Amino acid sequence: MGMLDMLGKLNEVKKAMDDIKSRLDTISVDGEAGEGTVKVIMNGNRKVTSVSIADKMMTPDRKEELEELIELALNRASEKAQNVSETEMKAAGKGILPNIPGLF
């Protein structure tokens, strides 16, 4: 593969990555904790787009519990977003990059 061919492939990869990033912006995942008491929604790029907290959690004596539930809901949503991102990257990469064992 010549240098120009490699540069062409790199441009294809960059375009594919930009397309994936745009597509991930349109995908929503959620994470819940406390049986839905706390719900976090984020996009595939792991940007939080919404946080919902049940009114019953909004008391000073539940502060520590609320903090734990928010952390748990964020982690769950982030894990889902990571899985979506990895799936999108693998799908896009198979058609562009050479078959390198272990890459995808």
PDB file of N, CA and C in Angstrom:
ATOM      1  N   MET A   1       0.865  -1.179   0.000  1.00  0.00           N
ATOM      2  CA  MET A   1       0.000   0.000   0.000  1.00  0.00           C
ATOM      3  C   MET A   1       0.902   1.229   0.000  1.00  0.00           C
ATOM      4  N   GLY A   2       0.689   2.105  -0.968  1.00  0.00           N
ATOM      5  CA  GLY A   2       1.500   3.300  -1.084  1.00  0.00           C
ATOM      6  C   GLY A   2       1.089   4.377  -0.089  1.00  0.00           C
ATOM      7  N   MET A   3       1.917   5.392   0.006  1.00  0.00           N
ATOM      8  CA  MET A   3       1.679   6.489   0.948  1.00  0.00           C
ATOM      9  C   MET A   3       0.355   7.203   0.651  1.00  0.00           C
ATOM     10  N   LEU A   4       0.052   7.419  -0.620  1.00  0.00           N
ATOM     11  CA  LEU A   4      -1.198   8.093  -0.978  1.00  0.00           C
ATOM     12  C   LEU A   4      -2.403   7.236  -0.609  1.00  0.00           C
ATOM     13  N   ASP A   5      -2.265   5.915  -0.807  1.00  0.00           N
ATOM     14  CA  ASP A   5      -3.351   5.016  -0.418  1.00  0.00           C
ATOM     15  C   ASP A   5      -3.577   5.070   1.089  1.00  0.00           C
ATOM     16  N   MET A   6      -2.487   5.111   1.849  1.00  0.00           N
ATOM     17  CA  MET A   6      -2.599   5.177   3.312  1.00  0.00           C
ATOM     18  C   MET A   6      -3.251   6.482   3.749  1.00  0.00           C
ATOM     19  N   LEU A   7      -2.884   7.580   3.106  1.00  0.00           N
ATOM     20  CA  LEU A   7      -3.498   8.875   3.439  1.00  0.00           C
ATOM     21  C   LEU A   7      -4.987   8.855   3.110  1.00  0.00           C
ATOM     22  N   GLY A   8      -5.337   8.227   2.002  1.00  0.00           N
ATOM     23  CA  GLY A   8      -6.750   8.097   1.634  1.00  0.00           C
ATOM     24  C   GLY A   8      -7.513   7.304   2.675  1.00  0.00           C
ATOM     25  N   LYS A   9      -6.903   6.214   3.154  1.00  0.00           N
ATOM     26  CA  LYS A   9      -7.542   5.395   4.200  1.00  0.00           C
ATOM     27  C   LYS A   9      -7.699   6.199   5.483  1.00  0.00           C
ATOM     28  N   LEU A  10      -6.678   6.972   5.828  1.00  0.00           N
ATOM     29  CA  LEU A  10      -6.762   7.793   7.048  1.00  0.00           C
ATOM     30  C   LEU A  10      -7.896   8.803   6.944  1.00  0.00           C
ATOM     31  N   ASN A  11      -8.074   9.384   5.757  1.00  0.00           N
ATOM     32  CA  ASN A  11      -9.180  10.323   5.565  1.00  0.00           C
ATOM     33  C   ASN A  11     -10.523   9.611   5.692  1.00  0.00           C
ATOM     34  N   GLU A  12     -10.599   8.378   5.174  1.00  0.00           N
ATOM     35  CA  GLU A  12     -11.826   7.585   5.306  1.00  0.00           C
ATOM     36  C   GLU A  12     -12.116   7.296   6.778  1.00  0.00           C
ATOM     37  N   VAL A  13     -11.069   6.950   7.520  1.00  0.00           N
ATOM     38  CA  VAL A  13     -11.230   6.648   8.944  1.00  0.00           C
ATOM     39  C   VAL A  13     -11.711   7.888   9.688  1.00  0.00           C
ATOM     40  N   LYS A  14     -11.108   9.042   9.404  1.00  0.00           N
ATOM     41  CA  LYS A  14     -11.518  10.280  10.075  1.00  0.00           C
ATOM     42  C   LYS A  14     -12.977  10.605   9.778  1.00  0.00           C
ATOM     43  N   LYS A  15     -13.375  10.461   8.521  1.00  0.00           N
ATOM     44  CA  LYS A  15     -14.765  10.730   8.159  1.00  0.00           C
ATOM     45  C   LYS A  15     -15.701   9.749   8.871  1.00  0.00           C
ATOM     46  N   ALA A  16     -15.307   8.480   8.899  1.00  0.00           N
ATOM     47  CA  ALA A  16     -16.134   7.481   9.584  1.00  0.00           C
ATOM     48  C   ALA A  16     -16.257   7.806  11.068  1.00  0.00           C
ATOM     49  N   MET A  17     -15.169   8.238  11.693  1.00  0.00           N
ATOM     50  CA  MET A  17     -15.200   8.587  13.113  1.00  0.00           C
ATOM     51  C   MET A  17     -16.121   9.788  13.356  1.00  0.00           C
ATOM     52  N   ASP A  18     -16.050  10.771  12.480  1.00  0.00           N
ATOM     53  CA  ASP A  18     -16.929  11.940  12.601  1.00  0.00           C
ATOM     54  C   ASP A  18     -18.396  11.531  12.439  1.00  0.00           C
ATOM     55  N   ASP A  19     -18.655  10.627  11.493  1.00  0.00           N
ATOM     56  CA  ASP A  19     -20.023  10.137  11.283  1.00  0.00           C
ATOM     57  C   ASP A  19     -20.526   9.388  12.515  1.00  0.00           C
ATOM     58  N   ILE A  20     -19.656   8.571  13.092  1.00  0.00           N
ATOM     59  CA  ILE A  20     -20.033   7.810  14.289  1.00  0.00           C
ATOM     60  C   ILE A  20     -20.345   8.760  15.435  1.00  0.00           C
ATOM     61  N   LYS A  21     -19.501   9.761  15.627  1.00  0.00           N
ATOM     62  CA  LYS A  21     -19.720  10.728  16.710  1.00  0.00           C
ATOM     63  C   LYS A  21     -21.067  11.430  16.529  1.00  0.00           C
ATOM     64  N   SER A  22     -21.378  11.810  15.314  1.00  0.00           N
ATOM     65  CA  SER A  22     -22.669  12.459  15.048  1.00  0.00           C
ATOM     66  C   SER A  22     -23.826  11.500  15.324  1.00  0.00           C
ATOM     67  N   ARG A  23     -23.670  10.244  14.903  1.00  0.00           N
ATOM     68  CA  ARG A  23     -24.726   9.253  15.126  1.00  0.00           C
ATOM     69  C   ARG A  23     -24.908   8.991  16.626  1.00  0.00           C
ATOM     70  N   LEU A  24     -23.804   8.926  17.366  1.00  0.00           N
ATOM     71  CA  LEU A  24     -23.890   8.680  18.811  1.00  0.00           C
ATOM     72  C   LEU A  24     -24.601   9.820  19.542  1.00  0.00           C
ATOM     73  N   ASP A  25     -24.518  11.031  18.990  1.00  0.00           N
ATOM     74  CA  ASP A  25     -25.250  12.159  19.579  1.00  0.00           C
ATOM     75  C   ASP A  25     -26.761  11.949  19.528  1.00  0.00           C
ATOM     76  N   THR A  26     -27.222  11.122  18.592  1.00  0.00           N
ATOM     77  CA  THR A  26     -28.664  10.912  18.425  1.00  0.00           C
ATOM     78  C   THR A  26     -29.185   9.696  19.189  1.00  0.00           C
ATOM     79  N   ILE A  27     -28.284   8.929  19.774  1.00  0.00           N
ATOM     80  CA  ILE A  27     -28.672   7.716  20.502  1.00  0.00           C
ATOM     81  C   ILE A  27     -28.773   8.034  21.987  1.00  0.00           C
ATOM     82  N   SER A  28     -29.869   7.640  22.605  1.00  0.00           N
ATOM     83  CA  SER A  28     -30.055   7.858  24.044  1.00  0.00           C
ATOM     84  C   SER A  28     -30.030   6.528  24.788  1.00  0.00           C
ATOM     85  N   VAL A  29     -29.360   6.546  25.930  1.00  0.00           N
ATOM     86  CA  VAL A  29     -29.355   5.396  26.833  1.00  0.00           C
ATOM     87  C   VAL A  29     -29.735   5.910  28.214  1.00  0.00           C
ATOM     88  N   ASP A  30     -30.218   5.004  29.068  1.00  0.00           N
ATOM     89  CA  ASP A  30     -30.593   5.444  30.401  1.00  0.00           C
ATOM     90  C   ASP A  30     -29.972   4.547  31.456  1.00  0.00           C
ATOM     91  N   GLY A  31     -29.913   5.075  32.639  1.00  0.00           N
ATOM     92  CA  GLY A  31     -29.485   4.318  33.797  1.00  0.00           C
ATOM     93  C   GLY A  31     -30.404   4.669  34.946  1.00  0.00           C
ATOM     94  N   GLU A  32     -30.863   3.653  35.657  1.00  0.00           N
ATOM     95  CA  GLU A  32     -31.770   3.881  36.780  1.00  0.00           C
ATOM     96  C   GLU A  32     -31.184   3.271  38.041  1.00  0.00           C
ATOM     97  N   ALA A  33     -31.615   3.816  39.163  1.00  0.00           N
ATOM     98  CA  ALA A  33     -31.235   3.270  40.464  1.00  0.00           C
ATOM     99  C   ALA A  33     -32.390   3.503  41.428  1.00  0.00           C
ATOM    100  N   GLY A  34     -32.407   2.685  42.476  1.00  0.00           N
ATOM    101  CA  GLY A  34     -33.468   2.843  43.470  1.00  0.00           C
ATOM    102  C   GLY A  34     -34.841   2.582  42.889  1.00  0.00           C
ATOM    103  N   GLU A  35     -34.946   1.544  42.055  1.00  0.00           N
ATOM    104  CA  GLU A  35     -36.223   1.186  41.428  1.00  0.00           C
ATOM    105  C   GLU A  35     -36.850   2.363  40.690  1.00  0.00           C
ATOM    106  N   GLY A  36     -36.006   3.100  39.968  1.00  0.00           N
ATOM    107  CA  GLY A  36     -36.489   4.227  39.182  1.00  0.00           C
ATOM    108  C   GLY A  36     -36.566   5.543  39.931  1.00  0.00           C
ATOM    109  N   THR A  37     -36.118   5.542  41.176  1.00  0.00           N
ATOM    110  CA  THR A  37     -36.126   6.771  41.970  1.00  0.00           C
ATOM    111  C   THR A  37     -35.224   7.826  41.347  1.00  0.00           C
ATOM    112  N   VAL A  38     -34.101   7.360  40.791  1.00  0.00           N
ATOM    113  CA  VAL A  38     -33.165   8.245  40.093  1.00  0.00           C
ATOM    114  C   VAL A  38     -32.978   7.682  38.694  1.00  0.00           C
ATOM    115  N   LYS A  39     -33.118   8.556  37.702  1.00  0.00           N
ATOM    116  CA  LYS A  39     -32.946   8.140  36.317  1.00  0.00           C
ATOM    117  C   LYS A  39     -32.069   9.157  35.603  1.00  0.00           C
ATOM    118  N   VAL A  40     -31.071   8.635  34.885  1.00  0.00           N
ATOM    119  CA  VAL A  40     -30.153   9.471  34.118  1.00  0.00           C
ATOM    120  C   VAL A  40     -30.260   9.058  32.656  1.00  0.00           C
ATOM    121  N   ILE A  41     -30.341  10.040  31.771  1.00  0.00           N
ATOM    122  CA  ILE A  41     -30.331   9.775  30.337  1.00  0.00           C
ATOM    123  C   ILE A  41     -29.111  10.482  29.755  1.00  0.00           C
ATOM    124  N   MET A  42     -28.366   9.750  28.931  1.00  0.00           N
ATOM    125  CA  MET A  42     -27.221  10.347  28.251  1.00  0.00           C
ATOM    126  C   MET A  42     -27.194   9.857  26.815  1.00  0.00           C
ATOM    127  N   ASN A  43     -26.446  10.578  25.984  1.00  0.00           N
ATOM    128  CA  ASN A  43     -26.342  10.146  24.599  1.00  0.00           C
ATOM    129  C   ASN A  43     -25.182   9.162  24.449  1.00  0.00           C
ATOM    130  N   GLY A  44     -25.005   8.649  23.251  1.00  0.00           N
ATOM    131  CA  GLY A  44     -23.965   7.667  22.997  1.00  0.00           C
ATOM    132  C   GLY A  44     -22.565   8.190  23.174  1.00  0.00           C
ATOM    133  N   ASN A  45     -22.398   9.504  23.201  1.00  0.00           N
ATOM    134  CA  ASN A  45     -21.103  10.117  23.466  1.00  0.00           C
ATOM    135  C   ASN A  45     -20.890  10.400  24.954  1.00  0.00           C
ATOM    136  N   ARG A  46     -21.774   9.854  25.777  1.00  0.00           N
ATOM    137  CA  ARG A  46     -21.725   9.946  27.236  1.00  0.00           C
ATOM    138  C   ARG A  46     -21.917  11.366  27.772  1.00  0.00           C
ATOM    139  N   LYS A  47     -22.728  12.140  27.072  1.00  0.00           N
ATOM    140  CA  LYS A  47     -23.114  13.462  27.568  1.00  0.00           C
ATOM    141  C   LYS A  47     -24.473  13.319  28.241  1.00  0.00           C
ATOM    142  N   VAL A  48     -24.553  13.716  29.511  1.00  0.00           N
ATOM    143  CA  VAL A  48     -25.815  13.624  30.254  1.00  0.00           C
ATOM    144  C   VAL A  48     -26.796  14.630  29.671  1.00  0.00           C
ATOM    145  N   THR A  49     -27.978  14.126  29.318  1.00  0.00           N
ATOM    146  CA  THR A  49     -28.997  15.000  28.744  1.00  0.00           C
ATOM    147  C   THR A  49     -30.177  15.214  29.688  1.00  0.00           C
ATOM    148  N   SER A  50     -30.301  14.357  30.707  1.00  0.00           N
ATOM    149  CA  SER A  50     -31.420  14.492  31.639  1.00  0.00           C
ATOM    150  C   SER A  50     -31.130  13.731  32.931  1.00  0.00           C
ATOM    151  N   VAL A  51     -31.563  14.321  34.038  1.00  0.00           N
ATOM    152  CA  VAL A  51     -31.512  13.660  35.343  1.00  0.00           C
ATOM    153  C   VAL A  51     -32.874  13.846  35.987  1.00  0.00           C
ATOM    154  N   SER A  52     -33.447  12.750  36.441  1.00  0.00           N
ATOM    155  CA  SER A  52     -34.752  12.799  37.087  1.00  0.00           C
ATOM    156  C   SER A  52     -34.628  12.176  38.474  1.00  0.00           C
ATOM    157  N   ILE A  53     -35.131  12.892  39.483  1.00  0.00           N
ATOM    158  CA  ILE A  53     -35.067  12.427  40.871  1.00  0.00           C
ATOM    159  C   ILE A  53     -36.463  12.508  41.467  1.00  0.00           C
ATOM    160  N   ALA A  54     -36.911  11.418  42.046  1.00  0.00           N
ATOM    161  CA  ALA A  54     -38.236  11.390  42.670  1.00  0.00           C
ATOM    162  C   ALA A  54     -38.289  12.360  43.841  1.00  0.00           C
ATOM    163  N   ASP A  55     -39.434  13.006  44.003  1.00  0.00           N
ATOM    164  CA  ASP A  55     -39.616  13.995  45.069  1.00  0.00           C
ATOM    165  C   ASP A  55     -39.302  13.438  46.459  1.00  0.00           C
ATOM    166  N   LYS A  56     -39.615  12.175  46.682  1.00  0.00           N
ATOM    167  CA  LYS A  56     -39.402  11.598  48.014  1.00  0.00           C
ATOM    168  C   LYS A  56     -37.929  11.565  48.420  1.00  0.00           C
ATOM    169  N   MET A  57     -37.024  11.731  47.444  1.00  0.00           N
ATOM    170  CA  MET A  57     -35.591  11.712  47.739  1.00  0.00           C
ATOM    171  C   MET A  57     -35.051  13.094  48.121  1.00  0.00           C
ATOM    172  N   MET A  58     -35.873  14.106  47.989  1.00  0.00           N
ATOM    173  CA  MET A  58     -35.416  15.483  48.175  1.00  0.00           C
ATOM    174  C   MET A  58     -35.548  15.958  49.621  1.00  0.00           C
ATOM    175  N   THR A  59     -35.009  15.189  50.534  1.00  0.00           N
ATOM    176  CA  THR A  59     -35.010  15.566  51.942  1.00  0.00           C
ATOM    177  C   THR A  59     -33.590  15.444  52.476  1.00  0.00           C
ATOM    178  N   PRO A  60     -33.222  16.314  53.433  1.00  0.00           N
ATOM    179  CA  PRO A  60     -31.852  16.301  53.963  1.00  0.00           C
ATOM    180  C   PRO A  60     -31.424  14.947  54.540  1.00  0.00           C
ATOM    181  N   ASP A  61     -32.341  14.222  55.125  1.00  0.00           N
ATOM    182  CA  ASP A  61     -31.969  12.954  55.743  1.00  0.00           C
ATOM    183  C   ASP A  61     -31.709  11.851  54.706  1.00  0.00           C
ATOM    184  N   ARG A  62     -31.995  12.110  53.439  1.00  0.00           N
ATOM    185  CA  ARG A  62     -31.749  11.108  52.384  1.00  0.00           C
ATOM    186  C   ARG A  62     -30.601  11.520  51.461  1.00  0.00           C
ATOM    187  N   LYS A  63     -29.867  12.544  51.857  1.00  0.00           N
ATOM    188  CA  LYS A  63     -28.791  13.087  51.019  1.00  0.00           C
ATOM    189  C   LYS A  63     -27.781  12.013  50.610  1.00  0.00           C
ATOM    190  N   GLU A  64     -27.277  11.259  51.557  1.00  0.00           N
ATOM    191  CA  GLU A  64     -26.267  10.246  51.260  1.00  0.00           C
ATOM    192  C   GLU A  64     -26.830   9.156  50.338  1.00  0.00           C
ATOM    193  N   GLU A  65     -28.048   8.729  50.604  1.00  0.00           N
ATOM    194  CA  GLU A  65     -28.691   7.731  49.755  1.00  0.00           C
ATOM    195  C   GLU A  65     -28.864   8.265  48.335  1.00  0.00           C
ATOM    196  N   LEU A  66     -29.278   9.523  48.215  1.00  0.00           N
ATOM    197  CA  LEU A  66     -29.467  10.138  46.912  1.00  0.00           C
ATOM    198  C   LEU A  66     -28.147  10.208  46.149  1.00  0.00           C
ATOM    199  N   GLU A  67     -27.087  10.595  46.822  1.00  0.00           N
ATOM    200  CA  GLU A  67     -25.775  10.663  46.174  1.00  0.00           C
ATOM    201  C   GLU A  67     -25.367   9.293  45.627  1.00  0.00           C
ATOM    202  N   GLU A  68     -25.594   8.253  46.402  1.00  0.00           N
ATOM    203  CA  GLU A  68     -25.254   6.899  45.961  1.00  0.00           C
ATOM    204  C   GLU A  68     -26.088   6.470  44.761  1.00  0.00           C
ATOM    205  N   LEU A  69     -27.376   6.818  44.780  1.00  0.00           N
ATOM    206  CA  LEU A  69     -28.255   6.454  43.671  1.00  0.00           C
ATOM    207  C   LEU A  69     -27.886   7.211  42.393  1.00  0.00           C
ATOM    208  N   ILE A  70     -27.520   8.469  42.528  1.00  0.00           N
ATOM    209  CA  ILE A  70     -27.102   9.246  41.356  1.00  0.00           C
ATOM    210  C   ILE A  70     -25.840   8.632  40.762  1.00  0.00           C
ATOM    211  N   GLU A  71     -24.895   8.305  41.612  1.00  0.00           N
ATOM    212  CA  GLU A  71     -23.647   7.686  41.147  1.00  0.00           C
ATOM    213  C   GLU A  71     -23.937   6.372  40.413  1.00  0.00           C
ATOM    214  N   LEU A  72     -24.791   5.553  40.981  1.00  0.00           N
ATOM    215  CA  LEU A  72     -25.139   4.269  40.384  1.00  0.00           C
ATOM    216  C   LEU A  72     -25.842   4.447  39.038  1.00  0.00           C
ATOM    217  N   ALA A  73     -26.798   5.361  38.984  1.00  0.00           N
ATOM    218  CA  ALA A  73     -27.533   5.604  37.735  1.00  0.00           C
ATOM    219  C   ALA A  73     -26.596   6.137  36.646  1.00  0.00           C
ATOM    220  N   LEU A  74     -25.691   7.043  37.013  1.00  0.00           N
ATOM    221  CA  LEU A  74     -24.723   7.567  36.049  1.00  0.00           C
ATOM    222  C   LEU A  74     -23.824   6.459  35.516  1.00  0.00           C
ATOM    223  N   ASN A  75     -23.342   5.618  36.398  1.00  0.00           N
ATOM    224  CA  ASN A  75     -22.464   4.526  35.979  1.00  0.00           C
ATOM    225  C   ASN A  75     -23.189   3.545  35.063  1.00  0.00           C
ATOM    226  N   ARG A  76     -24.433   3.253  35.368  1.00  0.00           N
ATOM    227  CA  ARG A  76     -25.205   2.340  34.522  1.00  0.00           C
ATOM    228  C   ARG A  76     -25.427   2.929  33.127  1.00  0.00           C
ATOM    229  N   ALA A  77     -25.787   4.200  33.066  1.00  0.00           N
ATOM    230  CA  ALA A  77     -25.996   4.850  31.771  1.00  0.00           C
ATOM    231  C   ALA A  77     -24.682   4.922  30.996  1.00  0.00           C
ATOM    232  N   SER A  78     -23.609   5.235  31.689  1.00  0.00           N
ATOM    233  CA  SER A  78     -22.302   5.335  31.043  1.00  0.00           C
ATOM    234  C   SER A  78     -21.859   3.993  30.463  1.00  0.00           C
ATOM    235  N   GLU A  79     -22.123   2.926  31.181  1.00  0.00           N
ATOM    236  CA  GLU A  79     -21.778   1.587  30.690  1.00  0.00           C
ATOM    237  C   GLU A  79     -22.560   1.261  29.415  1.00  0.00           C
ATOM    238  N   LYS A  80     -23.838   1.603  29.400  1.00  0.00           N
ATOM    239  CA  LYS A  80     -24.649   1.367  28.198  1.00  0.00           C
ATOM    240  C   LYS A  80     -24.132   2.202  27.032  1.00  0.00           C
ATOM    241  N   ALA A  81     -23.787   3.468  27.300  1.00  0.00           N
ATOM    242  CA  ALA A  81     -23.269   4.347  26.252  1.00  0.00           C
ATOM    243  C   ALA A  81     -21.950   3.804  25.704  1.00  0.00           C
ATOM    244  N   GLN A  82     -21.104   3.296  26.578  1.00  0.00           N
ATOM    245  CA  GLN A  82     -19.833   2.713  26.156  1.00  0.00           C
ATOM    246  C   GLN A  82     -20.071   1.516  25.231  1.00  0.00           C
ATOM    247  N   ASN A  83     -21.022   0.672  25.598  1.00  0.00           N
ATOM    248  CA  ASN A  83     -21.338  -0.498  24.766  1.00  0.00           C
ATOM    249  C   ASN A  83     -21.847  -0.088  23.389  1.00  0.00           C
ATOM    250  N   VAL A  84     -22.703   0.930  23.346  1.00  0.00           N
ATOM    251  CA  VAL A  84     -23.220   1.425  22.072  1.00  0.00           C
ATOM    252  C   VAL A  84     -22.074   1.981  21.230  1.00  0.00           C
ATOM    253  N   SER A  85     -21.212   2.749  21.854  1.00  0.00           N
ATOM    254  CA  SER A  85     -20.079   3.346  21.155  1.00  0.00           C
ATOM    255  C   SER A  85     -19.160   2.271  20.580  1.00  0.00           C
ATOM    256  N   GLU A  86     -18.835   1.269  21.367  1.00  0.00           N
ATOM    257  CA  GLU A  86     -17.969   0.188  20.900  1.00  0.00           C
ATOM    258  C   GLU A  86     -18.599  -0.554  19.726  1.00  0.00           C
ATOM    259  N   THR A  87     -19.883  -0.800  19.800  1.00  0.00           N
ATOM    260  CA  THR A  87     -20.581  -1.496  18.721  1.00  0.00           C
ATOM    261  C   THR A  87     -20.527  -0.682  17.434  1.00  0.00           C
ATOM    262  N   GLU A  88     -20.766   0.617  17.540  1.00  0.00           N
ATOM    263  CA  GLU A  88     -20.721   1.501  16.369  1.00  0.00           C
ATOM    264  C   GLU A  88     -19.314   1.540  15.773  1.00  0.00           C
ATOM    265  N   MET A  89     -18.301   1.617  16.606  1.00  0.00           N
ATOM    266  CA  MET A  89     -16.910   1.688  16.142  1.00  0.00           C
ATOM    267  C   MET A  89     -16.518   0.393  15.430  1.00  0.00           C
ATOM    268  N   LYS A  90     -16.899  -0.738  16.001  1.00  0.00           N
ATOM    269  CA  LYS A  90     -16.563  -2.024  15.384  1.00  0.00           C
ATOM    270  C   LYS A  90     -17.217  -2.153  14.020  1.00  0.00           C
ATOM    271  N   ALA A  91     -18.479  -1.767  13.932  1.00  0.00           N
ATOM    272  CA  ALA A  91     -19.206  -1.875  12.668  1.00  0.00           C
ATOM    273  C   ALA A  91     -18.572  -0.991  11.598  1.00  0.00           C
ATOM    274  N   ALA A  92     -18.199   0.205  11.960  1.00  0.00           N
ATOM    275  CA  ALA A  92     -17.603   1.132  10.993  1.00  0.00           C
ATOM    276  C   ALA A  92     -16.193   0.716  10.618  1.00  0.00           C
ATOM    277  N   GLY A  93     -15.439   0.244  11.582  1.00  0.00           N
ATOM    278  CA  GLY A  93     -14.041  -0.098  11.345  1.00  0.00           C
ATOM    279  C   GLY A  93     -13.838  -1.299  10.462  1.00  0.00           C
ATOM    280  N   LYS A  94     -14.754  -2.244  10.491  1.00  0.00           N
ATOM    281  CA  LYS A  94     -14.598  -3.467   9.696  1.00  0.00           C
ATOM    282  C   LYS A  94     -14.570  -3.176   8.198  1.00  0.00           C
ATOM    283  N   GLY A  95     -15.282  -2.173   7.781  1.00  0.00           N
ATOM    284  CA  GLY A  95     -15.332  -1.885   6.355  1.00  0.00           C
ATOM    285  C   GLY A  95     -14.200  -1.012   5.864  1.00  0.00           C
ATOM    286  N   ILE A  96     -13.452  -0.396   6.775  1.00  0.00           N
ATOM    287  CA  ILE A  96     -12.439   0.566   6.356  1.00  0.00           C
ATOM    288  C   ILE A  96     -11.015   0.072   6.602  1.00  0.00           C
ATOM    289  N   LEU A  97     -10.786  -0.393   7.821  1.00  0.00           N
ATOM    290  CA  LEU A  97      -9.429  -0.778   8.199  1.00  0.00           C
ATOM    291  C   LEU A  97      -9.106  -2.190   7.751  1.00  0.00           C
ATOM    292  N   PRO A  98      -7.821  -2.462   7.533  1.00  0.00           N
ATOM    293  CA  PRO A  98      -7.437  -3.823   7.147  1.00  0.00           C
ATOM    294  C   PRO A  98      -7.729  -4.806   8.262  1.00  0.00           C
ATOM    295  N   ASN A  99      -7.769  -6.068   7.921  1.00  0.00           N
ATOM    296  CA  ASN A  99      -8.082  -7.119   8.892  1.00  0.00           C
ATOM    297  C   ASN A  99      -6.868  -7.380   9.776  1.00  0.00           C
ATOM    298  N   ILE A 100      -6.797  -6.683  10.886  1.00  0.00           N
ATOM    299  CA  ILE A 100      -5.712  -6.865  11.837  1.00  0.00           C
ATOM    300  C   ILE A 100      -6.288  -7.617  13.025  1.00  0.00           C
ATOM    301  N   PRO A 101      -5.790  -8.834  13.295  1.00  0.00           N
ATOM    302  CA  PRO A 101      -6.341  -9.623  14.393  1.00  0.00           C
ATOM    303  C   PRO A 101      -6.326  -8.860  15.718  1.00  0.00           C
ATOM    304  N   GLY A 102      -7.456  -8.903  16.412  1.00  0.00           N
ATOM    305  CA  GLY A 102      -7.564  -8.249  17.703  1.00  0.00           C
ATOM    306  C   GLY A 102      -7.914  -6.773  17.670  1.00  0.00           C
ATOM    307  N   LEU A 103      -7.926  -6.172  16.470  1.00  0.00           N
ATOM    308  CA  LEU A 103      -8.245  -4.750  16.383  1.00  0.00           C
ATOM    309  C   LEU A 103      -9.712  -4.487  16.643  1.00  0.00           C
ATOM    310  N   PHE A 104     -10.600  -5.328  16.079  1.00  0.00           N
ATOM    311  CA  PHE A 104     -12.044  -5.173  16.310  1.00  0.00           C
ATOM    312  C   PHE A 104     -12.644  -6.479  16.722  1.00  0.00           C
TER     313      PHE A 104
END
